[in-house]
Amino acid sequence: MSFLCLLLSAGITANTVLPVPPMPSEVVSRALSYLGRPYGAEQRKGPNLDCSGFVRDVFAGFGVHLPATSREQVLVGVPVPREELRTGDLVFFSSPSSGPGKVGHVGLVIDVAGNGRTWIVHSSTRGVRIDSLGCTGLGSRYIEGRRILSDRPTDQPDTFVSDFDDDEDANLL
């Protein structure tokens, strides 16, 4: 089934505005606005957020709805090898409470430096902060990366407006 058929079967008509995934830089800007915000153990709403609540809240600002826990979030998107991480990817770690090899913490990649250093923003017991993926506290607990933002050209508009004038376009199928 073509994309046009899918749009028409979903009730997409003239001037329907469809959301487009945010640019990674937009996600990073929103995430950085949380810097210094206090940590809240198992808090997924409100002023104090745990790691998964933080990531969930950042993406919710763009209409991207993620599951509530890091154990559920790791099932979203596609796996990405550590050496291919990009800005906007999620990174998952074990935690003292989850145990070795089991997801218990999540962060967001905000920069991949040319020297191989990857910087993430995450909510830890010290609040929302920036750390290097290679720091001893995180690097040894790394489990995997996931990409949930699809690629989009930088010149693509923020929304897609269908150009169907009326139902006559349906006859083209």
C-alpha atoms as a PDB file:
ATOM      1  CA  MET A   1       0.000   0.000   0.000  1.00  0.00           C
ATOM      2  CA  SER A   2       1.416   3.369  -0.957  1.00  0.00           C
ATOM      3  CA  PHE A   3       1.915   6.284   1.413  1.00  0.00           C
ATOM      4  CA  LEU A   4      -0.910   8.117  -0.382  1.00  0.00           C
ATOM      5  CA  CYS A   5      -3.282   5.177   0.178  1.00  0.00           C
ATOM      6  CA  LEU A   6      -2.340   5.086   3.857  1.00  0.00           C
ATOM      7  CA  LEU A   7      -3.040   8.805   4.207  1.00  0.00           C
ATOM      8  CA  LEU A   8      -6.421   8.525   2.543  1.00  0.00           C
ATOM      9  CA  SER A   9      -7.445   5.431   4.499  1.00  0.00           C
ATOM     10  CA  ALA A  10      -6.509   7.225   7.722  1.00  0.00           C
ATOM     11  CA  GLY A  11      -8.835  10.101   6.869  1.00  0.00           C
ATOM     12  CA  ILE A  12      -6.063  12.512   5.908  1.00  0.00           C
ATOM     13  CA  THR A  13      -7.574  15.156   3.655  1.00  0.00           C
ATOM     14  CA  ALA A  14      -6.753  18.597   2.277  1.00  0.00           C
ATOM     15  CA  ASN A  15      -4.773  20.838   4.629  1.00  0.00           C
ATOM     16  CA  THR A  16      -4.331  18.141   7.278  1.00  0.00           C
ATOM     17  CA  VAL A  17      -1.163  18.904   9.220  1.00  0.00           C
ATOM     18  CA  LEU A  18       0.842  15.839  10.133  1.00  0.00           C
ATOM     19  CA  PRO A  19       3.474  15.991  12.888  1.00  0.00           C
ATOM     20  CA  VAL A  20       7.088  15.488  11.890  1.00  0.00           C
ATOM     21  CA  PRO A  21       9.592  14.093  14.372  1.00  0.00           C
ATOM     22  CA  PRO A  22      11.612  16.840  16.036  1.00  0.00           C
ATOM     23  CA  MET A  23      15.149  17.607  14.968  1.00  0.00           C
ATOM     24  CA  PRO A  24      17.707  16.156  17.413  1.00  0.00           C
ATOM     25  CA  SER A  25      18.930  19.694  18.152  1.00  0.00           C
ATOM     26  CA  GLU A  26      15.401  20.648  19.256  1.00  0.00           C
ATOM     27  CA  VAL A  27      15.283  17.677  21.627  1.00  0.00           C
ATOM     28  CA  VAL A  28      18.691  18.582  23.054  1.00  0.00           C
ATOM     29  CA  SER A  29      17.646  22.215  23.605  1.00  0.00           C
ATOM     30  CA  ARG A  30      14.570  21.091  25.499  1.00  0.00           C
ATOM     31  CA  ALA A  31      16.565  18.564  27.543  1.00  0.00           C
ATOM     32  CA  LEU A  32      19.169  21.165  28.500  1.00  0.00           C
ATOM     33  CA  SER A  33      16.433  23.419  29.840  1.00  0.00           C
ATOM     34  CA  TYR A  34      16.027  20.855  32.663  1.00  0.00           C
ATOM     35  CA  LEU A  35      19.647  21.146  33.859  1.00  0.00           C
ATOM     36  CA  GLY A  36      19.876  21.382  37.627  1.00  0.00           C
ATOM     37  CA  ARG A  37      16.317  20.178  38.170  1.00  0.00           C
ATOM     38  CA  PRO A  38      16.186  17.956  41.274  1.00  0.00           C
ATOM     39  CA  TYR A  39      15.913  14.190  41.047  1.00  0.00           C
ATOM     40  CA  GLY A  40      12.735  12.469  42.215  1.00  0.00           C
ATOM     41  CA  ALA A  41      12.968   8.738  42.898  1.00  0.00           C
ATOM     42  CA  GLU A  42      10.357   6.954  40.778  1.00  0.00           C
ATOM     43  CA  GLN A  43       8.807  10.313  39.841  1.00  0.00           C
ATOM     44  CA  ARG A  44       7.530  10.430  36.286  1.00  0.00           C
ATOM     45  CA  LYS A  45       5.520  13.662  36.584  1.00  0.00           C
ATOM     46  CA  GLY A  46       5.952  16.957  38.346  1.00  0.00           C
ATOM     47  CA  PRO A  47       8.932  19.136  39.166  1.00  0.00           C
ATOM     48  CA  ASN A  48      11.293  16.339  40.271  1.00  0.00           C
ATOM     49  CA  LEU A  49      11.797  13.545  37.751  1.00  0.00           C
ATOM     50  CA  ASP A  50      13.672  10.270  37.704  1.00  0.00           C
ATOM     51  CA  CYS A  51      15.706   9.348  34.611  1.00  0.00           C
ATOM     52  CA  SER A  52      12.869   7.792  32.619  1.00  0.00           C
ATOM     53  CA  GLY A  53      10.443  10.538  33.636  1.00  0.00           C
ATOM     54  CA  PHE A  54      12.950  13.143  32.458  1.00  0.00           C
ATOM     55  CA  VAL A  55      13.429  11.491  29.030  1.00  0.00           C
ATOM     56  CA  ARG A  56       9.698  10.903  28.702  1.00  0.00           C
ATOM     57  CA  ASP A  57       8.895  14.538  29.547  1.00  0.00           C
ATOM     58  CA  VAL A  58      11.472  15.876  27.069  1.00  0.00           C
ATOM     59  CA  PHE A  59      10.017  13.878  24.181  1.00  0.00           C
ATOM     60  CA  ALA A  60       6.393  14.474  25.218  1.00  0.00           C
ATOM     61  CA  GLY A  61       7.009  18.161  24.500  1.00  0.00           C
ATOM     62  CA  PHE A  62       7.188  17.158  20.824  1.00  0.00           C
ATOM     63  CA  GLY A  63       4.235  14.775  20.835  1.00  0.00           C
ATOM     64  CA  VAL A  64       6.504  11.699  21.048  1.00  0.00           C
ATOM     65  CA  HIS A  65       5.072   9.477  23.769  1.00  0.00           C
ATOM     66  CA  LEU A  66       7.460   7.069  25.446  1.00  0.00           C
ATOM     67  CA  PRO A  67       6.698   4.374  28.022  1.00  0.00           C
ATOM     68  CA  ALA A  68       7.061   5.230  31.702  1.00  0.00           C
ATOM     69  CA  THR A  69      10.138   3.217  32.726  1.00  0.00           C
ATOM     70  CA  SER A  70      13.635   2.759  31.314  1.00  0.00           C
ATOM     71  CA  ARG A  71      12.950  -1.002  31.130  1.00  0.00           C
ATOM     72  CA  GLU A  72      10.040  -0.230  28.785  1.00  0.00           C
ATOM     73  CA  GLN A  73      11.789   2.592  26.912  1.00  0.00           C
ATOM     74  CA  VAL A  74      14.620   0.289  25.856  1.00  0.00           C
ATOM     75  CA  LEU A  75      12.066  -1.574  23.717  1.00  0.00           C
ATOM     76  CA  VAL A  76      11.304   1.539  21.615  1.00  0.00           C
ATOM     77  CA  GLY A  77      13.137   2.415  18.399  1.00  0.00           C
ATOM     78  CA  VAL A  78      16.016   0.518  16.880  1.00  0.00           C
ATOM     79  CA  PRO A  79      19.280  -0.626  18.469  1.00  0.00           C
ATOM     80  CA  VAL A  80      22.349   1.470  17.646  1.00  0.00           C
ATOM     81  CA  PRO A  81      25.946   0.301  18.152  1.00  0.00           C
ATOM     82  CA  ARG A  82      27.824   2.458  20.655  1.00  0.00           C
ATOM     83  CA  GLU A  83      30.226   3.721  17.983  1.00  0.00           C
ATOM     84  CA  GLU A  84      27.268   4.925  15.851  1.00  0.00           C
ATOM     85  CA  LEU A  85      25.426   6.916  18.533  1.00  0.00           C
ATOM     86  CA  ARG A  86      24.143  10.325  17.442  1.00  0.00           C
ATOM     87  CA  THR A  87      22.603  13.354  19.062  1.00  0.00           C
ATOM     88  CA  GLY A  88      19.053  12.495  20.133  1.00  0.00           C
ATOM     89  CA  ASP A  89      19.665   8.778  20.716  1.00  0.00           C
ATOM     90  CA  LEU A  90      18.747   7.189  24.029  1.00  0.00           C
ATOM     91  CA  VAL A  91      21.382   5.291  26.010  1.00  0.00           C
ATOM     92  CA  PHE A  92      20.596   2.662  28.608  1.00  0.00           C
ATOM     93  CA  PHE A  93      22.554   1.479  31.624  1.00  0.00           C
ATOM     94  CA  SER A  94      22.263  -0.926  34.500  1.00  0.00           C
ATOM     95  CA  SER A  95      21.789   0.625  37.922  1.00  0.00           C
ATOM     96  CA  PRO A  96      22.527  -0.520  41.465  1.00  0.00           C
ATOM     97  CA  SER A  97      18.845  -1.382  41.913  1.00  0.00           C
ATOM     98  CA  SER A  98      18.422  -3.184  38.569  1.00  0.00           C
ATOM     99  CA  GLY A  99      21.562  -5.269  38.887  1.00  0.00           C
ATOM    100  CA  PRO A 100      24.307  -5.978  36.319  1.00  0.00           C
ATOM    101  CA  GLY A 101      23.167  -6.348  32.718  1.00  0.00           C
ATOM    102  CA  LYS A 102      19.583  -5.228  33.418  1.00  0.00           C
ATOM    103  CA  VAL A 103      18.294  -1.820  32.315  1.00  0.00           C
ATOM    104  CA  GLY A 104      17.685   0.555  35.191  1.00  0.00           C
ATOM    105  CA  HIS A 105      18.811   3.974  33.882  1.00  0.00           C
ATOM    106  CA  VAL A 106      18.396   6.039  30.700  1.00  0.00           C
ATOM    107  CA  GLY A 107      19.995   9.182  29.294  1.00  0.00           C
ATOM    108  CA  LEU A 108      19.914  11.230  26.102  1.00  0.00           C
ATOM    109  CA  VAL A 109      22.908  11.747  23.793  1.00  0.00           C
ATOM    110  CA  ILE A 110      23.503  15.481  23.387  1.00  0.00           C
ATOM    111  CA  ASP A 111      26.852  15.497  21.588  1.00  0.00           C
ATOM    112  CA  VAL A 112      29.311  13.127  19.978  1.00  0.00           C
ATOM    113  CA  ALA A 113      32.702  14.858  19.943  1.00  0.00           C
ATOM    114  CA  GLY A 114      35.290  14.186  17.273  1.00  0.00           C
ATOM    115  CA  ASN A 115      37.616  12.669  19.865  1.00  0.00           C
ATOM    116  CA  GLY A 116      35.196   9.810  20.456  1.00  0.00           C
ATOM    117  CA  ARG A 117      33.671  11.282  23.617  1.00  0.00           C
ATOM    118  CA  THR A 118      29.914  11.086  23.836  1.00  0.00           C
ATOM    119  CA  TRP A 119      28.071  13.479  26.148  1.00  0.00           C
ATOM    120  CA  ILE A 120      24.698  12.691  27.629  1.00  0.00           C
ATOM    121  CA  VAL A 121      22.143  14.488  29.752  1.00  0.00           C
ATOM    122  CA  HIS A 122      20.341  12.412  32.376  1.00  0.00           C
ATOM    123  CA  SER A 123      18.570  12.661  35.707  1.00  0.00           C
ATOM    124  CA  SER A 124      20.653  11.177  38.495  1.00  0.00           C
ATOM    125  CA  THR A 125      20.484  11.425  42.264  1.00  0.00           C
ATOM    126  CA  ARG A 126      22.364  14.718  41.804  1.00  0.00           C
ATOM    127  CA  GLY A 127      19.627  16.080  39.516  1.00  0.00           C
ATOM    128  CA  VAL A 128      19.566  16.595  35.768  1.00  0.00           C
ATOM    129  CA  ARG A 129      23.170  16.860  34.660  1.00  0.00           C
ATOM    130  CA  ILE A 130      25.603  16.355  31.794  1.00  0.00           C
ATOM    131  CA  ASP A 131      28.172  13.560  31.907  1.00  0.00           C
ATOM    132  CA  SER A 132      30.504  11.813  29.511  1.00  0.00           C
ATOM    133  CA  LEU A 133      29.359   8.375  28.438  1.00  0.00           C
ATOM    134  CA  GLY A 134      32.880   7.223  29.249  1.00  0.00           C
ATOM    135  CA  CYS A 135      32.863   8.367  32.858  1.00  0.00           C
ATOM    136  CA  THR A 136      33.539   5.530  35.253  1.00  0.00           C
ATOM    137  CA  GLY A 137      30.090   5.646  36.799  1.00  0.00           C
ATOM    138  CA  LEU A 138      28.297   5.190  33.491  1.00  0.00           C
ATOM    139  CA  GLY A 139      30.734   3.622  31.033  1.00  0.00           C
ATOM    140  CA  SER A 140      31.038   0.330  32.865  1.00  0.00           C
ATOM    141  CA  ARG A 141      27.244   0.049  33.199  1.00  0.00           C
ATOM    142  CA  TYR A 142      26.407   0.801  29.533  1.00  0.00           C
ATOM    143  CA  ILE A 143      23.951  -1.689  27.996  1.00  0.00           C
ATOM    144  CA  GLU A 144      22.784  -0.267  24.664  1.00  0.00           C
ATOM    145  CA  GLY A 145      21.742   2.704  22.585  1.00  0.00           C
ATOM    146  CA  ARG A 146      18.409   3.141  20.816  1.00  0.00           C
ATOM    147  CA  ARG A 147      17.388   5.529  18.028  1.00  0.00           C
ATOM    148  CA  ILE A 148      13.813   6.754  18.228  1.00  0.00           C
ATOM    149  CA  LEU A 149      14.104   9.822  15.998  1.00  0.00           C
ATOM    150  CA  SER A 150      13.916   9.035  12.311  1.00  0.00           C
ATOM    151  CA  ASP A 151      16.275  10.707   9.894  1.00  0.00           C
ATOM    152  CA  ARG A 152      14.967  13.830   8.258  1.00  0.00           C
ATOM    153  CA  PRO A 153      16.736  16.319   6.042  1.00  0.00           C
ATOM    154  CA  THR A 154      17.605  19.570   7.784  1.00  0.00           C
ATOM    155  CA  ASP A 155      15.715  21.577   5.178  1.00  0.00           C
ATOM    156  CA  GLN A 156      12.469  19.650   5.684  1.00  0.00           C
ATOM    157  CA  PRO A 157       9.682  21.822   7.120  1.00  0.00           C
ATOM    158  CA  ASP A 158       8.523  21.235  10.671  1.00  0.00           C
ATOM    159  CA  THR A 159       5.159  19.975   9.443  1.00  0.00           C
ATOM    160  CA  PHE A 160       3.857  18.227   6.372  1.00  0.00           C
ATOM    161  CA  VAL A 161       0.756  19.740   4.856  1.00  0.00           C
ATOM    162  CA  SER A 162      -0.973  17.485   2.381  1.00  0.00           C
ATOM    163  CA  ASP A 163      -1.549  19.075  -0.979  1.00  0.00           C
ATOM    164  CA  PHE A 164      -4.781  17.266  -1.804  1.00  0.00           C
ATOM    165  CA  ASP A 165      -7.345  19.770  -3.061  1.00  0.00           C
ATOM    166  CA  ASP A 166     -10.302  17.506  -2.457  1.00  0.00           C
ATOM    167  CA  ASP A 167     -11.433  13.942  -2.928  1.00  0.00           C
ATOM    168  CA  GLU A 168     -10.560  14.109  -6.652  1.00  0.00           C
ATOM    169  CA  ASP A 169      -7.030  13.059  -5.691  1.00  0.00           C
ATOM    170  CA  ALA A 170      -8.405   9.777  -4.386  1.00  0.00           C
ATOM    171  CA  ASN A 171      -9.291   8.892  -7.965  1.00  0.00           C
ATOM    172  CA  LEU A 172      -5.596   8.849  -8.837  1.00  0.00           C
ATOM    173  CA  LEU A 173      -5.078   5.609  -6.954  1.00  0.00           C
END
